[in-house]
PDB file of all heavy atoms in Angstrom:
ATOM      1  N   TYR A   1     -20.689-124.156-122.473  1.00  0.00           N
ATOM      2  CA  TYR A   1     -21.623-124.377-121.358  1.00  0.00           C
ATOM      3  C   TYR A   1     -22.817-123.436-121.479  1.00  0.00           C
ATOM      4  O   TYR A   1     -23.975-123.862-121.362  1.00  0.00           O
ATOM      5  CB  TYR A   1     -20.888-124.130-120.044  1.00  0.00           C
ATOM      6  CG  TYR A   1     -21.766-124.161-118.827  1.00  0.00           C
ATOM      7  CD1 TYR A   1     -22.112-125.347-118.186  1.00  0.00           C
ATOM      8  CD2 TYR A   1     -22.290-122.960-118.302  1.00  0.00           C
ATOM      9  CE1 TYR A   1     -22.937-125.355-117.076  1.00  0.00           C
ATOM     10  CE2 TYR A   1     -23.125-122.960-117.193  1.00  0.00           C
ATOM     11  CZ  TYR A   1     -23.440-124.157-116.594  1.00  0.00           C
ATOM     12  OH  TYR A   1     -24.250-124.159-115.484  1.00  0.00           O
ATOM     13  N   ARG A   2     -22.547-122.169-121.715  1.00  0.00           N
ATOM     14  CA  ARG A   2     -23.639-121.193-121.768  1.00  0.00           C
ATOM     15  C   ARG A   2     -24.561-121.433-122.973  1.00  0.00           C
ATOM     16  O   ARG A   2     -25.788-121.301-122.875  1.00  0.00           O
ATOM     17  CB  ARG A   2     -23.051-119.784-121.828  1.00  0.00           C
ATOM     18  CG  ARG A   2     -22.467-119.327-120.497  1.00  0.00           C
ATOM     19  CD  ARG A   2     -21.777-117.994-120.637  1.00  0.00           C
ATOM     20  NE  ARG A   2     -21.352-117.461-119.328  1.00  0.00           N
ATOM     21  CZ  ARG A   2     -20.593-116.398-119.153  1.00  0.00           C
ATOM     22  NH1 ARG A   2     -20.146-115.737-120.244  1.00  0.00           N
ATOM     23  NH2 ARG A   2     -20.275-115.994-117.932  1.00  0.00           N
ATOM     24  N   VAL A   3     -23.954-121.797-124.101  1.00  0.00           N
ATOM     25  CA  VAL A   3     -24.786-122.017-125.288  1.00  0.00           C
ATOM     26  C   VAL A   3     -25.684-123.237-125.114  1.00  0.00           C
ATOM     27  O   VAL A   3     -26.860-123.216-125.505  1.00  0.00           O
ATOM     28  CB  VAL A   3     -23.895-122.167-126.548  1.00  0.00           C
ATOM     29  CG1 VAL A   3     -24.740-122.570-127.748  1.00  0.00           C
ATOM     30  CG2 VAL A   3     -23.156-120.877-126.832  1.00  0.00           C
ATOM     31  N   THR A   4     -25.147-124.301-124.479  1.00  0.00           N
ATOM     32  CA  THR A   4     -26.018-125.469-124.246  1.00  0.00           C
ATOM     33  C   THR A   4     -27.182-125.097-123.351  1.00  0.00           C
ATOM     34  O   THR A   4     -28.320-125.537-123.571  1.00  0.00           O
ATOM     35  CB  THR A   4     -25.225-126.634-123.606  1.00  0.00           C
ATOM     36  OG1 THR A   4     -24.622-126.185-122.368  1.00  0.00           O
ATOM     37  CG2 THR A   4     -24.174-127.164-124.530  1.00  0.00           C
ATOM     38  N   ARG A   5     -26.925-124.299-122.345  1.00  0.00           N
ATOM     39  CA  ARG A   5     -28.017-123.900-121.433  1.00  0.00           C
ATOM     40  C   ARG A   5     -29.016-122.996-122.151  1.00  0.00           C
ATOM     41  O   ARG A   5     -30.236-123.076-121.894  1.00  0.00           O
ATOM     42  CB  ARG A   5     -27.456-123.204-120.203  1.00  0.00           C
ATOM     43  CG  ARG A   5     -27.108-124.128-119.037  1.00  0.00           C
ATOM     44  CD  ARG A   5     -26.163-125.222-119.446  1.00  0.00           C
ATOM     45  NE  ARG A   5     -25.955-126.220-118.411  1.00  0.00           N
ATOM     46  CZ  ARG A   5     -25.171-127.279-118.555  1.00  0.00           C
ATOM     47  NH1 ARG A   5     -24.547-127.478-119.729  1.00  0.00           N
ATOM     48  NH2 ARG A   5     -25.019-128.142-117.587  1.00  0.00           N
ATOM     49  N   ALA A   6     -28.533-122.162-123.027  1.00  0.00           N
ATOM     50  CA  ALA A   6     -29.447-121.333-123.809  1.00  0.00           C
ATOM     51  C   ALA A   6     -30.362-122.216-124.662  1.00  0.00           C
ATOM     52  O   ALA A   6     -31.587-121.940-124.771  1.00  0.00           O
ATOM     53  CB  ALA A   6     -28.658-120.356-124.661  1.00  0.00           C
ATOM     54  N   PHE A   7     -29.782-123.261-125.273  1.00  0.00           N
ATOM     55  CA  PHE A   7     -30.625-124.163-126.071  1.00  0.00           C
ATOM     56  C   PHE A   7     -31.592-124.947-125.186  1.00  0.00           C
ATOM     57  O   PHE A   7     -32.691-125.300-125.610  1.00  0.00           O
ATOM     58  CB  PHE A   7     -29.744-125.095-126.906  1.00  0.00           C
ATOM     59  CG  PHE A   7     -29.348-124.502-128.227  1.00  0.00           C
ATOM     60  CD1 PHE A   7     -28.033-124.147-128.465  1.00  0.00           C
ATOM     61  CD2 PHE A   7     -30.283-124.291-129.221  1.00  0.00           C
ATOM     62  CE1 PHE A   7     -27.660-123.567-129.689  1.00  0.00           C
ATOM     63  CE2 PHE A   7     -29.935-123.738-130.439  1.00  0.00           C
ATOM     64  CZ  PHE A   7     -28.611-123.371-130.668  1.00  0.00           C
ATOM     65  N   CYS A   8     -31.184-125.233-123.940  1.00  0.00           N
ATOM     66  CA  CYS A   8     -32.115-125.897-123.022  1.00  0.00           C
ATOM     67  C   CYS A   8     -33.351-125.022-122.795  1.00  0.00           C
ATOM     68  O   CYS A   8     -34.487-125.506-122.788  1.00  0.00           O
ATOM     69  CB  CYS A   8     -31.426-126.195-121.690  1.00  0.00           C
ATOM     70  SG  CYS A   8     -30.278-127.566-121.723  1.00  0.00           S
ATOM     71  N   TRP A   9     -33.139-123.727-122.601  1.00  0.00           N
ATOM     72  CA  TRP A   9     -34.275-122.814-122.415  1.00  0.00           C
ATOM     73  C   TRP A   9     -35.108-122.718-123.696  1.00  0.00           C
ATOM     74  O   TRP A   9     -36.340-122.627-123.616  1.00  0.00           O
ATOM     75  CB  TRP A   9     -33.791-121.438-121.998  1.00  0.00           C
ATOM     76  CG  TRP A   9     -33.482-121.375-120.528  1.00  0.00           C
ATOM     77  CD1 TRP A   9     -32.260-121.355-119.924  1.00  0.00           C
ATOM     78  CD2 TRP A   9     -34.447-121.351-119.461  1.00  0.00           C
ATOM     79  NE1 TRP A   9     -32.385-121.323-118.561  1.00  0.00           N
ATOM     80  CE2 TRP A   9     -33.729-121.299-118.245  1.00  0.00           C
ATOM     81  CE3 TRP A   9     -35.834-121.353-119.421  1.00  0.00           C
ATOM     82  CZ2 TRP A   9     -34.348-121.276-117.008  1.00  0.00           C
ATOM     83  CZ3 TRP A   9     -36.463-121.316-118.186  1.00  0.00           C
ATOM     84  CH2 TRP A   9     -35.723-121.281-116.994  1.00  0.00           C
ATOM     85  N   LEU A  10     -34.473-122.774-124.846  1.00  0.00           N
ATOM     86  CA  LEU A  10     -35.230-122.747-126.095  1.00  0.00           C
ATOM     87  C   LEU A  10     -36.082-124.018-126.213  1.00  0.00           C
ATOM     88  O   LEU A  10     -37.249-123.956-126.657  1.00  0.00           O
ATOM     89  CB  LEU A  10     -34.272-122.632-127.293  1.00  0.00           C
ATOM     90  CG  LEU A  10     -34.943-122.564-128.668  1.00  0.00           C
ATOM     91  CD1 LEU A  10     -35.925-121.394-128.770  1.00  0.00           C
ATOM     92  CD2 LEU A  10     -33.899-122.473-129.784  1.00  0.00           C
ATOM     93  N   VAL A  11     -35.531-125.166-125.820  1.00  0.00           N
ATOM     94  CA  VAL A  11     -36.302-126.416-125.840  1.00  0.00           C
ATOM     95  C   VAL A  11     -37.535-126.275-124.955  1.00  0.00           C
ATOM     96  O   VAL A  11     -38.663-126.646-125.342  1.00  0.00           O
ATOM     97  CB  VAL A  11     -35.445-127.607-125.379  1.00  0.00           C
ATOM     98  CG1 VAL A  11     -36.323-128.827-125.084  1.00  0.00           C
ATOM     99  CG2 VAL A  11     -34.418-127.955-126.440  1.00  0.00           C
ATOM    100  N   LEU A  12     -37.362-125.749-123.736  1.00  0.00           N
ATOM    101  CA  LEU A  12     -38.483-125.588-122.827  1.00  0.00           C
ATOM    102  C   LEU A  12     -39.533-124.631-123.399  1.00  0.00           C
ATOM    103  O   LEU A  12     -40.740-124.849-123.259  1.00  0.00           O
ATOM    104  CB  LEU A  12     -38.008-125.097-121.465  1.00  0.00           C
ATOM    105  CG  LEU A  12     -37.113-126.062-120.693  1.00  0.00           C
ATOM    106  CD1 LEU A  12     -36.738-125.458-119.327  1.00  0.00           C
ATOM    107  CD2 LEU A  12     -37.792-127.410-120.503  1.00  0.00           C
ATOM    108  N   ALA A  13     -39.067-123.566-124.064  1.00  0.00           N
ATOM    109  CA  ALA A  13     -40.005-122.635-124.678  1.00  0.00           C
ATOM    110  C   ALA A  13     -40.805-123.319-125.781  1.00  0.00           C
ATOM    111  O   ALA A  13     -42.017-123.097-125.928  1.00  0.00           O
ATOM    112  CB  ALA A  13     -39.238-121.416-125.239  1.00  0.00           C
ATOM    113  N   VAL A  14     -40.121-124.142-126.582  1.00  0.00           N
ATOM    114  CA  VAL A  14     -40.799-124.861-127.656  1.00  0.00           C
ATOM    115  C   VAL A  14     -41.818-125.840-127.097  1.00  0.00           C
ATOM    116  O   VAL A  14     -42.963-125.949-127.584  1.00  0.00           O
ATOM    117  CB  VAL A  14     -39.764-125.579-128.539  1.00  0.00           C
ATOM    118  CG1 VAL A  14     -40.451-126.613-129.430  1.00  0.00           C
ATOM    119  CG2 VAL A  14     -38.997-124.590-129.402  1.00  0.00           C
ATOM    120  N   VAL A  15     -41.434-126.551-126.038  1.00  0.00           N
ATOM    121  CA  VAL A  15     -42.366-127.504-125.416  1.00  0.00           C
ATOM    122  C   VAL A  15     -43.589-126.771-124.876  1.00  0.00           C
ATOM    123  O   VAL A  15     -44.724-127.226-125.040  1.00  0.00           O
ATOM    124  CB  VAL A  15     -41.656-128.279-124.271  1.00  0.00           C
ATOM    125  CG1 VAL A  15     -42.670-129.085-123.460  1.00  0.00           C
ATOM    126  CG2 VAL A  15     -40.602-129.203-124.845  1.00  0.00           C
ATOM    127  N   LEU A  16     -43.369-125.621-124.241  1.00  0.00           N
ATOM    128  CA  LEU A  16     -44.492-124.816-123.764  1.00  0.00           C
ATOM    129  C   LEU A  16     -45.406-124.413-124.905  1.00  0.00           C
ATOM    130  O   LEU A  16     -46.628-124.425-124.807  1.00  0.00           O
ATOM    131  CB  LEU A  16     -43.983-123.592-123.014  1.00  0.00           C
ATOM    132  CG  LEU A  16     -45.057-122.610-122.494  1.00  0.00           C
ATOM    133  CD1 LEU A  16     -45.966-123.304-121.483  1.00  0.00           C
ATOM    134  CD2 LEU A  16     -44.398-121.386-121.865  1.00  0.00           C
ATOM    135  N   GLY A  17     -44.789-124.047-126.024  1.00  0.00           N
ATOM    136  CA  GLY A  17     -45.585-123.682-127.205  1.00  0.00           C
ATOM    137  C   GLY A  17     -46.434-124.829-127.707  1.00  0.00           C
ATOM    138  O   GLY A  17     -47.609-124.647-128.058  1.00  0.00           O
ATOM    139  N   TRP A  18     -45.865-126.042-127.744  1.00  0.00           N
ATOM    140  CA  TRP A  18     -46.643-127.209-128.180  1.00  0.00           C
ATOM    141  C   TRP A  18     -47.780-127.495-127.217  1.00  0.00           C
ATOM    142  O   TRP A  18     -48.908-127.846-127.637  1.00  0.00           O
ATOM    143  CB  TRP A  18     -45.744-128.433-128.290  1.00  0.00           C
ATOM    144  CG  TRP A  18     -44.884-128.455-129.499  1.00  0.00           C
ATOM    145  CD1 TRP A  18     -43.526-128.367-129.569  1.00  0.00           C
ATOM    146  CD2 TRP A  18     -45.313-128.605-130.876  1.00  0.00           C
ATOM    147  NE1 TRP A  18     -43.074-128.430-130.858  1.00  0.00           N
ATOM    148  CE2 TRP A  18     -44.151-128.576-131.703  1.00  0.00           C
ATOM    149  CE3 TRP A  18     -46.552-128.743-131.476  1.00  0.00           C
ATOM    150  CZ2 TRP A  18     -44.195-128.684-133.071  1.00  0.00           C
ATOM    151  CZ3 TRP A  18     -46.601-128.847-132.870  1.00  0.00           C
ATOM    152  CH2 TRP A  18     -45.443-128.818-133.642  1.00  0.00           C
ATOM    153  N   VAL A  19     -47.532-127.317-125.913  1.00  0.00           N
ATOM    154  CA  VAL A  19     -48.601-127.533-124.934  1.00  0.00           C
ATOM    155  C   VAL A  19     -49.719-126.518-125.165  1.00  0.00           C
ATOM    156  O   VAL A  19     -50.910-126.858-125.115  1.00  0.00           O
ATOM    157  CB  VAL A  19     -48.041-127.416-123.502  1.00  0.00           C
ATOM    158  CG1 VAL A  19     -49.190-127.378-122.469  1.00  0.00           C
ATOM    159  CG2 VAL A  19     -47.113-128.578-123.190  1.00  0.00           C
ATOM    160  N   MET A  20     -49.356-125.274-125.401  1.00  0.00           N
ATOM    161  CA  MET A  20     -50.374-124.254-125.673  1.00  0.00           C
ATOM    162  C   MET A  20     -51.178-124.595-126.921  1.00  0.00           C
ATOM    163  O   MET A  20     -52.407-124.415-126.954  1.00  0.00           O
ATOM    164  CB  MET A  20     -49.707-122.898-125.831  1.00  0.00           C
ATOM    165  CG  MET A  20     -49.097-122.341-124.564  1.00  0.00           C
ATOM    166  SD  MET A  20     -48.104-120.845-124.867  1.00  0.00           S
ATOM    167  CE  MET A  20     -49.304-119.761-125.601  1.00  0.00           C
ATOM    168  N   LEU A  21     -50.488-125.080-127.946  1.00  0.00           N
ATOM    169  CA  LEU A  21     -51.182-125.442-129.189  1.00  0.00           C
ATOM    170  C   LEU A  21     -52.168-126.578-128.941  1.00  0.00           C
ATOM    171  O   LEU A  21     -53.309-126.553-129.404  1.00  0.00           O
ATOM    172  CB  LEU A  21     -50.184-125.828-130.263  1.00  0.00           C
ATOM    173  CG  LEU A  21     -50.761-126.219-131.624  1.00  0.00           C
ATOM    174  CD1 LEU A  21     -51.376-125.002-132.305  1.00  0.00           C
ATOM    175  CD2 LEU A  21     -49.685-126.823-132.529  1.00  0.00           C
ATOM    176  N   VAL A  22     -51.711-127.592-128.196  1.00  0.00           N
ATOM    177  CA  VAL A  22     -52.575-128.737-127.916  1.00  0.00           C
ATOM    178  C   VAL A  22     -53.774-128.309-127.078  1.00  0.00           C
ATOM    179  O   VAL A  22     -54.906-128.778-127.288  1.00  0.00           O
ATOM    180  CB  VAL A  22     -51.768-129.855-127.221  1.00  0.00           C
ATOM    181  CG1 VAL A  22     -52.694-130.926-126.682  1.00  0.00           C
ATOM    182  CG2 VAL A  22     -50.771-130.469-128.188  1.00  0.00           C
ATOM    183  N   GLN A  23     -53.546-127.425-126.099  1.00  0.00           N
ATOM    184  CA  GLN A  23     -54.661-126.933-125.289  1.00  0.00           C
ATOM    185  C   GLN A  23     -55.679-126.193-126.151  1.00  0.00           C
ATOM    186  O   GLN A  23     -56.893-126.398-125.991  1.00  0.00           O
ATOM    187  CB  GLN A  23     -54.134-126.033-124.181  1.00  0.00           C
ATOM    188  CG  GLN A  23     -53.435-126.766-123.062  1.00  0.00           C
ATOM    189  CD  GLN A  23     -52.944-125.837-121.992  1.00  0.00           C
ATOM    190  OE1 GLN A  23     -52.588-124.685-122.245  1.00  0.00           O
ATOM    191  NE2 GLN A  23     -52.907-126.321-120.760  1.00  0.00           N
ATOM    192  N   ALA A  24     -55.197-125.344-127.029  1.00  0.00           N
ATOM    193  CA  ALA A  24     -56.116-124.619-127.906  1.00  0.00           C
ATOM    194  C   ALA A  24     -56.848-125.561-128.842  1.00  0.00           C
ATOM    195  O   ALA A  24     -58.044-125.408-129.105  1.00  0.00           O
ATOM    196  CB  ALA A  24     -55.330-123.591-128.727  1.00  0.00           C
ATOM    197  N   PHE A  25     -56.149-126.564-129.328  1.00  0.00           N
ATOM    198  CA  PHE A  25     -56.734-127.579-130.206  1.00  0.00           C
ATOM    199  C   PHE A  25     -57.818-128.353-129.468  1.00  0.00           C
ATOM    200  O   PHE A  25     -58.895-128.630-129.997  1.00  0.00           O
ATOM    201  CB  PHE A  25     -55.591-128.490-130.668  1.00  0.00           C
ATOM    202  CG  PHE A  25     -56.002-129.622-131.562  1.00  0.00           C
ATOM    203  CD1 PHE A  25     -57.090-129.555-132.400  1.00  0.00           C
ATOM    204  CD2 PHE A  25     -55.253-130.800-131.567  1.00  0.00           C
ATOM    205  CE1 PHE A  25     -57.428-130.613-133.228  1.00  0.00           C
ATOM    206  CE2 PHE A  25     -55.580-131.858-132.399  1.00  0.00           C
ATOM    207  CZ  PHE A  25     -56.672-131.771-133.218  1.00  0.00           C
ATOM    208  N   SER A  26     -57.532-128.698-128.210  1.00  0.00           N
ATOM    209  CA  SER A  26     -58.487-129.468-127.430  1.00  0.00           C
ATOM    210  C   SER A  26     -59.748-128.649-127.125  1.00  0.00           C
ATOM    211  O   SER A  26     -60.854-129.176-127.143  1.00  0.00           O
ATOM    212  CB  SER A  26     -57.833-129.924-126.126  1.00  0.00           C
ATOM    213  OG  SER A  26     -58.723-130.645-125.322  1.00  0.00           O
ATOM    214  N   ALA A  27     -59.549-127.351-126.863  1.00  0.00           N
ATOM    215  CA  ALA A  27     -60.704-126.502-126.527  1.00  0.00           C
ATOM    216  C   ALA A  27     -61.539-126.183-127.734  1.00  0.00           C
ATOM    217  O   ALA A  27     -62.754-126.058-127.659  1.00  0.00           O
ATOM    218  CB  ALA A  27     -60.200-125.218-125.881  1.00  0.00           C
ATOM    219  N   ASP A  28     -60.883-126.028-128.908  1.00  0.00           N
ATOM    220  CA  ASP A  28     -61.600-125.667-130.128  1.00  0.00           C
ATOM    221  C   ASP A  28     -60.831-126.204-131.316  1.00  0.00           C
ATOM    222  O   ASP A  28     -59.834-125.608-131.749  1.00  0.00           O
ATOM    223  CB  ASP A  28     -61.750-124.152-130.235  1.00  0.00           C
ATOM    224  CG  ASP A  28     -62.471-123.711-131.515  1.00  0.00           C
ATOM    225  OD1 ASP A  28     -63.026-124.580-132.212  1.00  0.00           O
ATOM    226  OD2 ASP A  28     -62.456-122.497-131.813  1.00  0.00           O
ATOM    227  N   SER A  29     -61.298-127.326-131.857  1.00  0.00           N
ATOM    228  CA  SER A  29     -60.570-127.940-132.959  1.00  0.00           C
ATOM    229  C   SER A  29     -60.543-127.039-134.193  1.00  0.00           C
ATOM    230  O   SER A  29     -59.676-127.151-135.047  1.00  0.00           O
ATOM    231  CB  SER A  29     -61.200-129.273-133.329  1.00  0.00           C
ATOM    232  OG  SER A  29     -62.568-129.107-133.663  1.00  0.00           O
ATOM    233  N   GLY A  30     -61.503-126.104-134.265  1.00  0.00           N
ATOM    234  CA  GLY A  30     -61.506-125.182-135.387  1.00  0.00           C
ATOM    235  C   GLY A  30     -60.305-124.249-135.398  1.00  0.00           C
ATOM    236  O   GLY A  30     -59.989-123.627-136.410  1.00  0.00           O
ATOM    237  N   ALA A  31     -59.624-124.160-134.238  1.00  0.00           N
ATOM    238  CA  ALA A  31     -58.421-123.316-134.184  1.00  0.00           C
ATOM    239  C   ALA A  31     -57.340-123.806-135.117  1.00  0.00           C
ATOM    240  O   ALA A  31     -56.448-123.049-135.492  1.00  0.00           O
ATOM    241  CB  ALA A  31     -57.884-123.288-132.749  1.00  0.00           C
ATOM    242  N   LEU A  32     -57.401-125.067-135.526  1.00  0.00           N
ATOM    243  CA  LEU A  32     -56.407-125.598-136.436  1.00  0.00           C
ATOM    244  C   LEU A  32     -56.797-125.352-137.889  1.00  0.00           C
ATOM    245  O   LEU A  32     -56.120-125.791-138.791  1.00  0.00           O
ATOM    246  CB  LEU A  32     -56.227-127.100-136.232  1.00  0.00           C
ATOM    247  CG  LEU A  32     -55.437-127.475-134.969  1.00  0.00           C
ATOM    248  CD1 LEU A  32     -55.267-128.981-134.871  1.00  0.00           C
ATOM    249  CD2 LEU A  32     -54.081-126.801-134.958  1.00  0.00           C
ATOM    250  N   GLY A  33     -57.874-124.637-138.121  1.00  0.00           N
ATOM    251  CA  GLY A  33     -58.258-124.332-139.491  1.00  0.00           C
ATOM    252  C   GLY A  33     -57.612-123.079-140.047  1.00  0.00           C
ATOM    253  O   GLY A  33     -57.943-122.641-141.116  1.00  0.00           O
ATOM    254  N   GLY A  34     -56.702-122.488-139.267  1.00  0.00           N
ATOM    255  CA  GLY A  34     -56.037-121.293-139.755  1.00  0.00           C
ATOM    256  C   GLY A  34     -55.690-120.313-138.656  1.00  0.00           C
ATOM    257  O   GLY A  34     -54.703-119.586-138.750  1.00  0.00           O
ATOM    258  N   GLN A  35     -56.486-120.275-137.579  1.00  0.00           N
ATOM    259  CA  GLN A  35     -56.275-119.319-136.510  1.00  0.00           C
ATOM    260  C   GLN A  35     -54.914-119.493-135.848  1.00  0.00           C
ATOM    261  O   GLN A  35     -54.291-118.513-135.413  1.00  0.00           O
ATOM    262  CB  GLN A  35     -57.373-119.455-135.442  1.00  0.00           C
ATOM    263  CG  GLN A  35     -58.767-119.253-135.954  1.00  0.00           C
ATOM    264  CD  GLN A  35     -59.791-119.561-134.890  1.00  0.00           C
ATOM    265  OE1 GLN A  35     -59.552-119.385-133.697  1.00  0.00           O
ATOM    266  NE2 GLN A  35     -60.949-120.053-135.306  1.00  0.00           N
ATOM    267  N   LEU A  36     -54.442-120.723-135.746  1.00  0.00           N
ATOM    268  CA  LEU A  36     -53.178-120.989-135.061  1.00  0.00           C
ATOM    269  C   LEU A  36     -52.065-121.414-136.006  1.00  0.00           C
ATOM    270  O   LEU A  36     -51.046-121.951-135.558  1.00  0.00           O
ATOM    271  CB  LEU A  36     -53.393-122.045-133.982  1.00  0.00           C
ATOM    272  CG  LEU A  36     -54.290-121.633-132.814  1.00  0.00           C
ATOM    273  CD1 LEU A  36     -54.485-122.796-131.843  1.00  0.00           C
ATOM    274  CD2 LEU A  36     -53.709-120.441-132.089  1.00  0.00           C
ATOM    275  N   ASP A  37     -52.246-121.197-137.307  1.00  0.00           N
ATOM    276  CA  ASP A  37     -51.192-121.584-138.239  1.00  0.00           C
ATOM    277  C   ASP A  37     -49.873-120.864-137.925  1.00  0.00           C
ATOM    278  O   ASP A  37     -48.796-121.433-138.087  1.00  0.00           O
ATOM    279  CB  ASP A  37     -51.613-121.259-139.680  1.00  0.00           C
ATOM    280  CG  ASP A  37     -52.623-122.280-140.210  1.00  0.00           C
ATOM    281  OD1 ASP A  37     -52.884-123.272-139.514  1.00  0.00           O
ATOM    282  OD2 ASP A  37     -53.150-122.036-141.310  1.00  0.00           O
ATOM    283  N   TRP A  38     -49.981-119.613-137.461  1.00  0.00           N
ATOM    284  CA  TRP A  38     -48.765-118.862-137.133  1.00  0.00           C
ATOM    285  C   TRP A  38     -47.972-119.553-136.025  1.00  0.00           C
ATOM    286  O   TRP A  38     -46.736-119.648-136.088  1.00  0.00           O
ATOM    287  CB  TRP A  38     -49.116-117.436-136.713  1.00  0.00           C
ATOM    288  CG  TRP A  38     -49.872-117.375-135.419  1.00  0.00           C
ATOM    289  CD1 TRP A  38     -51.222-117.419-135.243  1.00  0.00           C
ATOM    290  CD2 TRP A  38     -49.288-117.253-134.109  1.00  0.00           C
ATOM    291  NE1 TRP A  38     -51.546-117.360-133.903  1.00  0.00           N
ATOM    292  CE2 TRP A  38     -50.375-117.265-133.180  1.00  0.00           C
ATOM    293  CE3 TRP A  38     -47.988-117.179-133.619  1.00  0.00           C
ATOM    294  CZ2 TRP A  38     -50.189-117.169-131.795  1.00  0.00           C
ATOM    295  CZ3 TRP A  38     -47.784-117.073-132.250  1.00  0.00           C
ATOM    296  CH2 TRP A  38     -48.885-117.058-131.351  1.00  0.00           C
ATOM    297  N   LEU A  39     -48.692-120.063-135.000  1.00  0.00           N
ATOM    298  CA  LEU A  39     -48.019-120.725-133.899  1.00  0.00           C
ATOM    299  C   LEU A  39     -47.459-122.061-134.346  1.00  0.00           C
ATOM    300  O   LEU A  39     -46.322-122.423-133.984  1.00  0.00           O
ATOM    301  CB  LEU A  39     -49.000-120.912-132.732  1.00  0.00           C
ATOM    302  CG  LEU A  39     -48.451-121.676-131.510  1.00  0.00           C
ATOM    303  CD1 LEU A  39     -47.205-120.999-130.951  1.00  0.00           C
ATOM    304  CD2 LEU A  39     -49.525-121.803-130.436  1.00  0.00           C
ATOM    305  N   LEU A  40     -48.232-122.790-135.141  1.00  0.00           N
ATOM    306  CA  LEU A  40     -47.753-124.072-135.625  1.00  0.00           C
ATOM    307  C   LEU A  40     -46.485-123.913-136.455  1.00  0.00           C
ATOM    308  O   LEU A  40     -45.503-124.634-136.264  1.00  0.00           O
ATOM    309  CB  LEU A  40     -48.844-124.756-136.459  1.00  0.00           C
ATOM    310  CG  LEU A  40     -48.453-126.062-137.152  1.00  0.00           C
ATOM    311  CD1 LEU A  40     -48.035-127.110-136.119  1.00  0.00           C
ATOM    312  CD2 LEU A  40     -49.607-126.583-138.014  1.00  0.00           C
ATOM    313  N   ASN A  41     -46.474-122.961-137.374  1.00  0.00           N
ATOM    314  CA  ASN A  41     -45.300-122.748-138.204  1.00  0.00           C
ATOM    315  C   ASN A  41     -44.104-122.257-137.387  1.00  0.00           C
ATOM    316  O   ASN A  41     -42.954-122.619-137.667  1.00  0.00           O
ATOM    317  CB  ASN A  41     -45.611-121.767-139.321  1.00  0.00           C
ATOM    318  CG  ASN A  41     -46.473-122.392-140.411  1.00  0.00           C
ATOM    319  OD1 ASN A  41     -46.420-123.593-140.619  1.00  0.00           O
ATOM    320  ND2 ASN A  41     -47.275-121.587-141.077  1.00  0.00           N
ATOM    321  N   LEU A  42     -44.391-121.433-136.380  1.00  0.00           N
ATOM    322  CA  LEU A  42     -43.303-120.976-135.493  1.00  0.00           C
ATOM    323  C   LEU A  42     -42.685-122.156-134.773  1.00  0.00           C
ATOM    324  O   LEU A  42     -41.456-122.276-134.672  1.00  0.00           O
ATOM    325  CB  LEU A  42     -43.865-119.962-134.499  1.00  0.00           C
ATOM    326  CG  LEU A  42     -42.853-119.083-133.738  1.00  0.00           C
ATOM    327  CD1 LEU A  42     -42.131-118.153-134.707  1.00  0.00           C
ATOM    328  CD2 LEU A  42     -43.563-118.297-132.652  1.00  0.00           C
ATOM    329  N   LEU A  43     -43.532-123.039-134.256  1.00  0.00           N
ATOM    330  CA  LEU A  43     -43.032-124.204-133.540  1.00  0.00           C
ATOM    331  C   LEU A  43     -42.274-125.152-134.459  1.00  0.00           C
ATOM    332  O   LEU A  43     -41.238-125.720-134.069  1.00  0.00           O
ATOM    333  CB  LEU A  43     -44.198-124.944-132.876  1.00  0.00           C
ATOM    334  CG  LEU A  43     -44.861-124.198-131.717  1.00  0.00           C
ATOM    335  CD1 LEU A  43     -46.116-124.915-131.264  1.00  0.00           C
ATOM    336  CD2 LEU A  43     -43.887-124.066-130.539  1.00  0.00           C
ATOM    337  N   ARG A  44     -42.780-125.331-135.673  1.00  0.00           N
ATOM    338  CA  ARG A  44     -42.081-126.227-136.600  1.00  0.00           C
ATOM    339  C   ARG A  44     -40.791-125.628-137.132  1.00  0.00           C
ATOM    340  O   ARG A  44     -39.958-126.335-137.693  1.00  0.00           O
ATOM    341  CB  ARG A  44     -43.026-126.619-137.745  1.00  0.00           C
ATOM    342  CG  ARG A  44     -44.170-127.506-137.251  1.00  0.00           C
ATOM    343  CD  ARG A  44     -44.940-128.125-138.389  1.00  0.00           C
ATOM    344  NE  ARG A  44     -45.679-127.148-139.167  1.00  0.00           N
ATOM    345  CZ  ARG A  44     -46.533-127.447-140.153  1.00  0.00           C
ATOM    346  NH1 ARG A  44     -46.768-128.702-140.465  1.00  0.00           N
ATOM    347  NH2 ARG A  44     -47.167-126.505-140.803  1.00  0.00           N
ATOM    348  N   THR A  45     -40.610-124.326-136.939  1.00  0.00           N
ATOM    349  CA  THR A  45     -39.334-123.696-137.283  1.00  0.00           C
ATOM    350  C   THR A  45     -38.321-123.866-136.159  1.00  0.00           C
ATOM    351  O   THR A  45     -37.161-124.264-136.379  1.00  0.00           O
ATOM    352  CB  THR A  45     -39.532-122.191-137.559  1.00  0.00           C
ATOM    353  OG1 THR A  45     -40.373-122.037-138.698  1.00  0.00           O
ATOM    354  CG2 THR A  45     -38.195-121.508-137.827  1.00  0.00           C
ATOM    355  N   PHE A  46     -38.782-123.598-134.921  1.00  0.00           N
ATOM    356  CA  PHE A  46     -37.848-123.580-133.803  1.00  0.00           C
ATOM    357  C   PHE A  46     -37.636-124.945-133.141  1.00  0.00           C
ATOM    358  O   PHE A  46     -36.646-125.127-132.437  1.00  0.00           O
ATOM    359  CB  PHE A  46     -38.301-122.553-132.763  1.00  0.00           C
ATOM    360  CG  PHE A  46     -37.955-121.149-133.148  1.00  0.00           C
ATOM    361  CD1 PHE A  46     -38.908-120.333-133.767  1.00  0.00           C
ATOM    362  CD2 PHE A  46     -36.684-120.649-132.939  1.00  0.00           C
ATOM    363  CE1 PHE A  46     -38.582-119.045-134.135  1.00  0.00           C
ATOM    364  CE2 PHE A  46     -36.363-119.354-133.310  1.00  0.00           C
ATOM    365  CZ  PHE A  46     -37.306-118.553-133.914  1.00  0.00           C
TER     366      PHE A  46
END
C-alpha cells in the first residue's frame, strides 16, 4: 500500500515537471536548445 502511494506521488512530481517544461518551452522555444536538457533527461528517466 505504501509503495503504491509513493509511486503515485512520483507520478505527480513527473507530471508537474512536464508541465514546467512545456511552460518554459511555450515562453521561450530556445529553452529547448540546451538550457532545459537537464530537465528533459531527468523527466525521461523518471
